[in-house]
Amino acid sequence: MLVVEDDRSIATVLRRGLTFEGYRVELADTGTQALEIARGAMPDIVILDIMIPGVDGLEVCRRIRAAGEDVPILMLTARDEVVDRVAGLDAGADDYMVKPFAFEELLARVRALLRRRARQDEERERAPTDVLRFEDLTLDPSTRYAWRGERRIELTTREFDLLLLFLRHPNQVLPRDTIMERVWGYDFPGESNVLEVYISNLRRRLEADGEPRLLQTVRGAGYVLRRE
């Protein structure tokens, strides 16, 4: 586990507590150092502050995702505005937690992220690698590439997981809780608007050239992949 935090008191508390829980913890206090550690050996999970010297946490997150890594990233920061949360999720974070925080809640979120990662790894090993299609939307699980017609769509790791779930269940209304369970984890404790943010981002990518909407909201029921 990599903890990226420039406040020594917080870093010490996190290392002591996480080590006591059985995690092997490596600390970094700058974005540059964090990226160097990640390039050497990608950790199982990253706890990442935004306001760190040099390369900030958002850019660290973007560079990890740009390298194709799907390591779980939990942002831990004092920035608590909605725009900050959205920026963190857009950068590729899996969860966002605001300081001051309860260590027990942080542990619960870490466990949930690690369980989700383990379950998705198992599902990828078992899942068929056939290309999935719906209308003019195509997704290749083996390469993790998506297309809308001839237009290739760049997806973050979580957006890919969401789209894969919908393409495996076309025309089926998926309740919010089911989506959260399958993509984020059984007891995902994150903010209530996390799914809505990702659905909005995914729609923007799928409709970037004015294509008809395929990802529909069913009020009071959930979401469905279908042509209206």
Protein backbone atom coordinates (compact mmCIF):
# COMPACT_ATOMS: atom_id res chain seq x y z
CA MET A 1 0.00 0.00 0.00
CA LEU A 2 1.22 3.48 -0.90
CA VAL A 3 0.22 6.45 1.27
CA VAL A 4 0.93 9.85 -0.32
CA GLU A 5 0.72 12.52 2.38
CA ASP A 6 2.99 15.49 3.13
CA ASP A 7 1.59 16.13 6.63
CA ARG A 8 3.96 14.07 8.77
CA SER A 9 1.55 13.72 11.69
CA ILE A 10 -1.20 12.33 9.45
CA ALA A 11 1.25 10.11 7.56
CA THR A 12 2.55 8.71 10.85
CA VAL A 13 -0.95 7.97 12.12
CA LEU A 14 -1.88 6.26 8.86
CA ARG A 15 1.27 4.17 8.71
CA ARG A 16 0.99 3.10 12.35
CA GLY A 17 -2.70 2.23 12.11
CA LEU A 18 -2.53 0.46 8.74
CA THR A 19 0.57 -1.48 9.75
CA PHE A 20 -1.23 -2.62 12.90
CA GLU A 21 -4.07 -3.89 10.67
CA GLY A 22 -1.59 -6.01 8.71
CA TYR A 23 -0.92 -3.82 5.68
CA ARG A 24 2.59 -3.15 4.42
CA VAL A 25 2.79 0.63 4.04
CA GLU A 26 5.15 2.77 1.98
CA LEU A 27 5.08 6.55 2.40
CA ALA A 28 5.63 9.35 -0.10
CA ASP A 29 5.40 13.05 0.67
CA THR A 30 5.55 14.46 -2.88
CA GLY A 31 3.82 13.63 -6.14
CA THR A 32 7.14 12.98 -7.86
CA GLN A 33 8.17 10.47 -5.21
CA ALA A 34 4.79 8.75 -5.44
CA LEU A 35 5.11 8.32 -9.20
CA GLU A 36 8.64 6.95 -8.83
CA ILE A 37 7.44 4.36 -6.33
CA ALA A 38 4.49 3.41 -8.55
CA ARG A 39 6.73 2.99 -11.59
CA GLY A 40 9.02 0.69 -9.62
CA ALA A 41 6.29 -1.58 -8.23
CA MET A 42 2.62 -0.68 -8.40
CA PRO A 43 1.05 -1.02 -4.92
CA ASP A 44 -2.19 -2.88 -4.21
CA ILE A 45 -3.92 0.38 -3.27
CA VAL A 46 -3.03 4.10 -3.13
CA ILE A 47 -4.22 6.56 -0.48
CA LEU A 48 -3.58 9.93 -2.06
CA ASP A 49 -3.72 13.51 -0.79
CA ILE A 50 -4.46 16.18 -3.40
CA MET A 51 -2.47 19.08 -1.98
CA ILE A 52 1.06 17.70 -2.06
CA PRO A 53 4.31 19.38 -3.21
CA GLY A 54 5.35 19.24 -6.82
CA VAL A 55 2.99 17.14 -8.91
CA ASP A 56 -0.38 17.39 -7.16
CA GLY A 57 -2.58 14.44 -6.29
CA LEU A 58 -4.97 14.91 -9.21
CA GLU A 59 -2.10 14.75 -11.69
CA VAL A 60 -0.59 11.73 -9.92
CA CYS A 61 -3.94 9.98 -10.29
CA ARG A 62 -4.22 10.92 -13.97
CA ARG A 63 -0.71 9.65 -14.75
CA ILE A 64 -1.34 6.34 -13.01
CA ARG A 65 -4.51 5.87 -15.03
CA ALA A 66 -2.83 7.01 -18.25
CA ALA A 67 -0.30 4.23 -17.74
CA GLY A 68 -3.18 1.73 -17.86
CA GLU A 69 -3.05 0.85 -14.17
CA ASP A 70 -6.33 0.00 -12.42
CA VAL A 71 -4.96 0.04 -8.86
CA PRO A 72 -7.64 1.27 -6.42
CA ILE A 73 -7.09 4.94 -5.52
CA LEU A 74 -8.64 6.56 -2.45
CA MET A 75 -8.28 10.32 -2.32
CA LEU A 76 -7.92 11.66 1.22
CA THR A 77 -8.00 15.45 1.29
CA ALA A 78 -9.21 18.55 3.09
CA ARG A 79 -10.99 19.75 -0.06
CA ASP A 80 -14.68 19.07 0.54
CA GLU A 81 -16.53 21.01 -2.15
CA VAL A 82 -18.60 19.10 -4.70
CA VAL A 83 -16.41 20.43 -7.52
CA ASP A 84 -13.35 18.96 -5.76
CA ARG A 85 -15.00 15.56 -5.39
CA VAL A 86 -16.00 15.56 -9.04
CA ALA A 87 -12.45 16.55 -10.07
CA GLY A 88 -11.02 13.69 -8.04
CA LEU A 89 -13.39 11.13 -9.53
CA ASP A 90 -12.84 12.52 -13.04
CA ALA A 91 -9.08 12.13 -12.54
CA GLY A 92 -9.63 8.42 -11.96
CA ALA A 93 -10.03 8.04 -8.21
CA ASP A 94 -12.26 5.21 -6.97
CA ASP A 95 -13.30 6.91 -3.75
CA TYR A 96 -12.96 10.32 -2.08
CA MET A 97 -12.72 10.93 1.66
CA VAL A 98 -12.51 14.30 3.40
CA LYS A 99 -10.26 15.24 6.32
CA PRO A 100 -10.69 15.11 9.25
CA PHE A 101 -11.66 11.45 9.01
CA ALA A 102 -12.46 8.49 11.24
CA PHE A 103 -9.75 5.85 10.88
CA GLU A 104 -12.35 3.06 11.16
CA GLU A 105 -14.22 4.45 8.15
CA LEU A 106 -11.00 4.70 6.16
CA LEU A 107 -10.28 1.05 6.94
CA ALA A 108 -13.77 0.07 5.77
CA ARG A 109 -13.28 1.91 2.50
CA VAL A 110 -9.87 0.31 1.95
CA ARG A 111 -11.32 -3.15 2.56
CA ALA A 112 -14.21 -2.48 0.17
CA LEU A 113 -11.88 -1.28 -2.59
CA LEU A 114 -9.57 -4.27 -2.20
CA ARG A 115 -12.51 -6.71 -2.24
CA ARG A 116 -13.87 -5.10 -5.38
CA ARG A 117 -10.48 -5.34 -7.06
CA ALA A 118 -10.12 -9.01 -6.13
CA ARG A 119 -13.63 -9.85 -7.33
CA GLN A 120 -13.17 -8.04 -10.63
CA ASP A 121 -9.87 -9.83 -11.22
CA GLU A 122 -11.66 -13.14 -10.72
CA GLU A 123 -14.49 -12.12 -13.04
CA ARG A 124 -12.05 -11.07 -15.75
CA GLU A 125 -10.35 -14.44 -15.59
CA ARG A 126 -13.66 -16.28 -15.93
CA ALA A 127 -15.39 -13.93 -18.35
CA PRO A 128 -15.48 -14.59 -22.10
CA THR A 129 -13.42 -12.18 -24.16
CA ASP A 130 -15.86 -11.92 -27.07
CA VAL A 131 -16.51 -8.41 -28.34
CA LEU A 132 -19.79 -7.02 -26.98
CA ARG A 133 -22.13 -4.97 -29.17
CA PHE A 134 -25.34 -3.00 -28.76
CA GLU A 135 -26.66 -0.79 -31.53
CA ASP A 136 -23.53 1.08 -32.77
CA LEU A 137 -21.70 0.64 -29.44
CA THR A 138 -18.84 -1.88 -29.28
CA LEU A 139 -16.65 -2.96 -26.36
CA ASP A 140 -13.68 -5.33 -26.55
CA PRO A 141 -12.94 -6.72 -23.05
CA SER A 142 -9.61 -8.18 -24.14
CA THR A 143 -8.19 -4.79 -25.18
CA ARG A 144 -10.54 -2.63 -23.04
CA TYR A 145 -11.28 -0.48 -26.11
CA ALA A 146 -14.74 0.94 -26.87
CA TRP A 147 -16.21 2.43 -30.04
CA ARG A 148 -19.33 4.32 -31.03
CA GLY A 149 -19.52 3.49 -34.71
CA GLU A 150 -16.02 4.22 -36.00
CA ARG A 151 -15.21 6.62 -33.17
CA ARG A 152 -12.95 5.18 -30.50
CA ILE A 153 -13.88 6.14 -26.92
CA GLU A 154 -11.32 6.59 -24.18
CA LEU A 155 -12.59 5.20 -20.87
CA THR A 156 -11.26 5.28 -17.34
CA THR A 157 -11.05 1.96 -15.51
CA ARG A 158 -14.32 2.53 -13.65
CA GLU A 159 -16.14 3.77 -16.75
CA PHE A 160 -15.04 0.60 -18.54
CA ASP A 161 -16.36 -1.54 -15.68
CA LEU A 162 -19.71 0.28 -15.78
CA LEU A 163 -20.08 -0.03 -19.54
CA LEU A 164 -19.10 -3.68 -19.43
CA LEU A 165 -21.83 -4.35 -16.86
CA PHE A 166 -24.48 -2.63 -19.00
CA LEU A 167 -23.38 -4.38 -22.19
CA ARG A 168 -23.62 -7.75 -20.46
CA HIS A 169 -27.21 -6.90 -19.48
CA PRO A 170 -28.71 -4.89 -22.38
CA ASN A 171 -32.37 -3.84 -22.08
CA GLN A 172 -32.35 -4.88 -18.42
CA VAL A 173 -33.01 -2.23 -15.78
CA LEU A 174 -30.20 -2.42 -13.23
CA PRO A 175 -31.01 -1.01 -9.78
CA ARG A 176 -28.57 1.47 -8.30
CA ASP A 177 -27.65 -0.89 -5.46
CA THR A 178 -26.89 -3.70 -7.91
CA ILE A 179 -24.59 -1.47 -9.94
CA MET A 180 -22.78 -0.23 -6.83
CA GLU A 181 -22.36 -3.81 -5.59
CA ARG A 182 -21.00 -5.13 -8.90
CA VAL A 183 -18.68 -2.23 -9.72
CA TRP A 184 -17.60 -0.78 -6.37
CA GLY A 185 -18.09 -3.51 -3.80
CA TYR A 186 -20.72 -5.10 -1.60
CA ASP A 187 -20.58 -2.52 1.19
CA PHE A 188 -19.28 0.47 -0.74
CA PRO A 189 -19.41 3.36 1.74
CA GLY A 190 -18.64 6.21 -0.65
CA GLU A 191 -20.53 9.42 -1.29
CA SER A 192 -24.12 9.07 -2.50
CA ASN A 193 -23.52 10.78 -5.84
CA VAL A 194 -20.56 8.68 -6.98
CA LEU A 195 -22.64 6.58 -9.38
CA GLU A 196 -24.42 9.64 -10.77
CA VAL A 197 -21.08 11.31 -11.50
CA TYR A 198 -19.80 8.27 -13.39
CA ILE A 199 -23.05 7.81 -15.32
CA SER A 200 -22.87 11.46 -16.37
CA ASN A 201 -19.22 11.12 -17.44
CA LEU A 202 -19.94 7.92 -19.36
CA ARG A 203 -22.84 9.53 -21.19
CA ARG A 204 -20.65 12.47 -22.23
CA ARG A 205 -18.13 10.08 -23.73
CA LEU A 206 -20.74 7.97 -25.50
CA GLU A 207 -22.54 11.02 -26.92
CA ALA A 208 -19.51 13.22 -27.68
CA ASP A 209 -20.40 13.43 -31.40
CA GLY A 210 -24.12 13.89 -30.83
CA GLU A 211 -25.00 10.21 -30.99
CA PRO A 212 -28.41 9.10 -29.64
CA ARG A 213 -28.52 8.30 -25.93
CA LEU A 214 -28.26 4.62 -25.07
CA LEU A 215 -27.75 4.80 -21.30
CA GLN A 216 -31.19 5.65 -19.94
CA THR A 217 -32.40 6.62 -16.47
CA VAL A 218 -35.47 4.79 -15.20
CA ARG A 219 -36.77 7.06 -12.48
CA GLY A 220 -37.09 5.29 -9.15
CA ALA A 221 -35.70 2.04 -10.57
CA GLY A 222 -32.15 2.47 -11.87
CA TYR A 223 -30.42 2.59 -15.26
CA VAL A 224 -30.73 0.60 -18.47
CA LEU A 225 -28.84 0.28 -21.75
CA ARG A 226 -31.46 0.57 -24.46
CA ARG A 227 -32.46 2.67 -27.48
CA GLU A 228 -35.43 4.96 -26.84
